[in-house]
Amino acid sequence: MAGMPDSVYLQTIFNQVDKDRSGAIDSRELQAALSNGNFTAFNPETIRLMIGMFDKKGTGTITFDEFGSLWKYVTDWQRCFRDFDRDNSGSISKQELQTALTTFGYRFSDQFYDILMKRFDRTKKGAIYFDDFIQCSVSLHTLTQAFSYHDQDRDGIITVSYEQFLHMVFSLRV
């Protein structure tokens, strides 16, 4: 089904995820509902990041009105993940990560990809699973936006004070 799923379908899914019938989905319920496709639990940090992105009221939960956007976001990332998982292993290798991030417009050194793999490969098997791929991509996007705010002349270089740097880092949701 293309585009946004119909509301009856979304309501059914929402009701299945909202185990305590509170009318909102918390991080525990969302983590239980999402799958990496490899029987591993979704990364709690990725769950926190996604709830923070779609929780418009700041309650730490997702209401049904917010759920449609979250659902579309996750399914779009699933499609993206599958496109870059060239060998259909269910994970993204360093080479596949390089292809994905280059496609997204990033230009990093080989050494930086080693850092990304070390940071987002929780199993230490040379593989980034679906949840960590989302976290890696969203973190890079968020950090890039913060950097771009200070890169007024778009030359890829910024000058910030130590306190400005700390403000940038601590105010970001990554």
Protein backbone atom coordinates (compact mmCIF):
# COMPACT_ATOMS: atom_id res chain seq x y z
CA MET A 1 0.00 0.00 0.00
CA ALA A 2 1.56 3.30 -1.10
CA GLY A 3 1.60 6.43 1.05
CA MET A 4 0.06 6.66 4.50
CA PRO A 5 -1.87 3.58 5.66
CA ASP A 6 -5.57 4.08 6.34
CA SER A 7 -6.68 5.05 9.83
CA VAL A 8 -8.45 1.74 10.60
CA TYR A 9 -5.24 -0.16 9.85
CA LEU A 10 -3.19 2.29 11.95
CA GLN A 11 -5.71 2.11 14.81
CA THR A 12 -5.42 -1.69 14.80
CA ILE A 13 -1.64 -1.52 14.97
CA PHE A 14 -1.73 1.21 17.61
CA ASN A 15 -4.09 -0.89 19.76
CA GLN A 16 -1.78 -3.90 19.45
CA VAL A 17 1.23 -1.83 20.55
CA ASP A 18 -0.62 -0.01 23.39
CA LYS A 19 -0.56 -3.06 25.66
CA ASP A 20 -1.71 -1.25 28.80
CA ARG A 21 -4.60 0.44 26.93
CA SER A 22 -3.52 3.87 28.19
CA GLY A 23 -4.20 5.56 24.87
CA ALA A 24 -0.50 6.31 24.44
CA ILE A 25 2.58 4.27 23.56
CA ASP A 26 5.56 4.50 25.89
CA SER A 27 9.14 3.49 25.15
CA ARG A 28 8.71 -0.02 26.62
CA GLU A 29 5.68 -0.73 24.43
CA LEU A 30 7.33 0.68 21.31
CA GLN A 31 10.49 -1.34 21.92
CA ALA A 32 8.43 -4.52 22.28
CA ALA A 33 6.55 -3.77 19.05
CA LEU A 34 9.52 -3.01 16.79
CA SER A 35 11.73 -5.66 15.27
CA ASN A 36 15.22 -5.71 13.85
CA GLY A 37 14.30 -8.81 11.89
CA ASN A 38 16.97 -10.82 13.73
CA PHE A 39 15.33 -11.51 17.11
CA THR A 40 17.31 -8.78 18.88
CA ALA A 41 15.63 -6.10 20.97
CA PHE A 42 15.43 -2.63 19.48
CA ASN A 43 18.08 -0.29 20.86
CA PRO A 44 16.55 1.74 23.76
CA GLU A 45 18.47 4.83 22.60
CA THR A 46 16.88 4.60 19.14
CA ILE A 47 13.45 4.23 20.78
CA ARG A 48 14.12 7.32 22.92
CA LEU A 49 15.26 9.27 19.87
CA MET A 50 12.16 8.34 17.85
CA ILE A 51 9.72 9.09 20.66
CA GLY A 52 11.44 12.44 21.12
CA MET A 53 11.01 13.22 17.43
CA PHE A 54 7.26 12.53 17.34
CA ASP A 55 6.14 13.33 20.90
CA LYS A 56 4.77 16.83 20.21
CA LYS A 57 3.41 17.35 23.73
CA GLY A 58 6.58 16.32 25.56
CA THR A 59 4.89 13.54 27.53
CA GLY A 60 7.45 10.85 26.69
CA THR A 61 4.72 8.88 24.91
CA ILE A 62 3.17 8.71 21.44
CA THR A 63 -0.55 9.35 21.06
CA PHE A 64 -2.56 7.90 18.20
CA ASP A 65 -2.40 11.26 16.38
CA GLU A 66 1.41 11.13 16.55
CA PHE A 67 1.59 7.41 15.76
CA GLY A 68 0.81 7.74 12.04
CA SER A 69 3.89 9.88 11.48
CA LEU A 70 6.06 7.51 13.54
CA TRP A 71 4.74 4.49 11.63
CA LYS A 72 5.48 6.11 8.26
CA TYR A 73 8.94 7.12 9.49
CA VAL A 74 9.81 3.56 10.55
CA THR A 75 8.48 2.00 7.34
CA ASP A 76 10.40 4.54 5.22
CA TRP A 77 13.58 3.65 7.12
CA GLN A 78 12.86 -0.06 6.59
CA ARG A 79 12.72 0.50 2.83
CA CYS A 80 15.91 2.54 2.93
CA PHE A 81 17.68 -0.08 5.06
CA ARG A 82 16.68 -2.89 2.68
CA ASP A 83 17.92 -0.87 -0.30
CA PHE A 84 21.40 -0.53 1.22
CA ASP A 85 21.56 -4.07 2.66
CA ARG A 86 22.86 -5.28 -0.72
CA ASP A 87 23.67 -8.83 0.43
CA ASN A 88 20.32 -9.23 2.25
CA SER A 89 22.16 -10.15 5.46
CA GLY A 90 19.75 -8.20 7.66
CA SER A 91 22.53 -5.80 8.62
CA ILE A 92 24.61 -3.02 7.11
CA SER A 93 28.33 -3.65 6.68
CA LYS A 94 30.92 -0.87 6.68
CA GLN A 95 30.91 -0.84 2.86
CA GLU A 96 27.10 -0.70 2.76
CA LEU A 97 27.17 2.12 5.33
CA GLN A 98 29.63 4.04 3.15
CA THR A 99 27.31 3.59 0.16
CA ALA A 100 24.27 4.71 2.16
CA LEU A 101 25.87 7.80 3.69
CA THR A 102 27.49 8.80 0.39
CA THR A 103 24.04 8.54 -1.20
CA PHE A 104 22.73 10.80 1.60
CA GLY A 105 25.39 13.37 0.61
CA TYR A 106 28.07 12.77 3.25
CA ARG A 107 31.77 12.58 2.37
CA PHE A 108 33.79 10.95 5.16
CA SER A 109 37.22 9.36 5.42
CA ASP A 110 37.65 5.62 5.76
CA GLN A 111 38.85 6.22 9.33
CA PHE A 112 35.62 8.02 10.20
CA TYR A 113 33.59 5.05 8.94
CA ASP A 114 35.63 2.92 11.36
CA ILE A 115 34.51 5.28 14.15
CA LEU A 116 30.87 5.04 13.04
CA MET A 117 31.07 1.24 12.95
CA LYS A 118 32.61 1.18 16.42
CA ARG A 119 29.89 3.50 17.75
CA PHE A 120 26.82 1.92 16.09
CA ASP A 121 27.79 -1.77 15.76
CA ARG A 122 26.48 -2.93 19.16
CA THR A 123 27.23 -6.60 18.48
CA LYS A 124 30.84 -5.90 17.44
CA LYS A 125 30.41 -8.23 14.45
CA GLY A 126 31.07 -5.67 11.72
CA ALA A 127 27.34 -5.17 11.21
CA ILE A 128 24.87 -2.40 11.97
CA TYR A 129 21.31 -3.58 12.50
CA PHE A 130 18.17 -1.70 11.53
CA ASP A 131 17.67 0.20 14.80
CA ASP A 132 21.29 1.32 14.98
CA PHE A 133 21.21 2.35 11.30
CA ILE A 134 18.30 4.67 12.13
CA GLN A 135 20.18 6.04 15.14
CA CYS A 136 23.37 6.57 13.13
CA SER A 137 21.54 8.33 10.30
CA VAL A 138 19.42 10.54 12.56
CA SER A 139 22.42 11.41 14.74
CA LEU A 140 24.46 12.46 11.71
CA HIS A 141 21.55 14.52 10.38
CA THR A 142 21.03 16.26 13.73
CA LEU A 143 24.74 16.98 14.20
CA THR A 144 24.98 18.24 10.61
CA GLN A 145 22.09 20.65 11.19
CA ALA A 146 23.77 22.00 14.34
CA PHE A 147 27.06 22.39 12.48
CA SER A 148 25.38 24.04 9.49
CA TYR A 149 23.79 26.63 11.75
CA HIS A 150 27.29 27.89 12.59
CA ASP A 151 28.75 27.34 9.08
CA GLN A 152 27.31 30.55 7.63
CA ASP A 153 29.66 30.63 4.60
CA ARG A 154 29.17 26.89 3.90
CA ASP A 155 32.89 26.09 3.73
CA GLY A 156 32.72 23.14 6.13
CA ILE A 157 34.64 24.98 8.85
CA ILE A 158 33.22 26.66 11.95
CA THR A 159 34.72 28.65 14.78
CA VAL A 160 32.94 28.26 18.10
CA SER A 161 33.91 28.86 21.68
CA TYR A 162 34.18 25.91 24.03
CA GLU A 163 30.92 26.92 25.71
CA GLN A 164 29.17 27.21 22.29
CA PHE A 165 30.45 23.73 21.44
CA LEU A 166 29.15 22.30 24.71
CA HIS A 167 25.82 24.05 24.16
CA MET A 168 25.60 22.48 20.69
CA VAL A 169 26.38 19.01 21.99
CA PHE A 170 24.22 19.05 25.14
CA SER A 171 21.19 20.65 23.52
CA LEU A 172 20.96 18.05 20.75
CA ARG A 173 18.71 15.01 20.96
CA VAL A 174 21.07 12.36 19.61
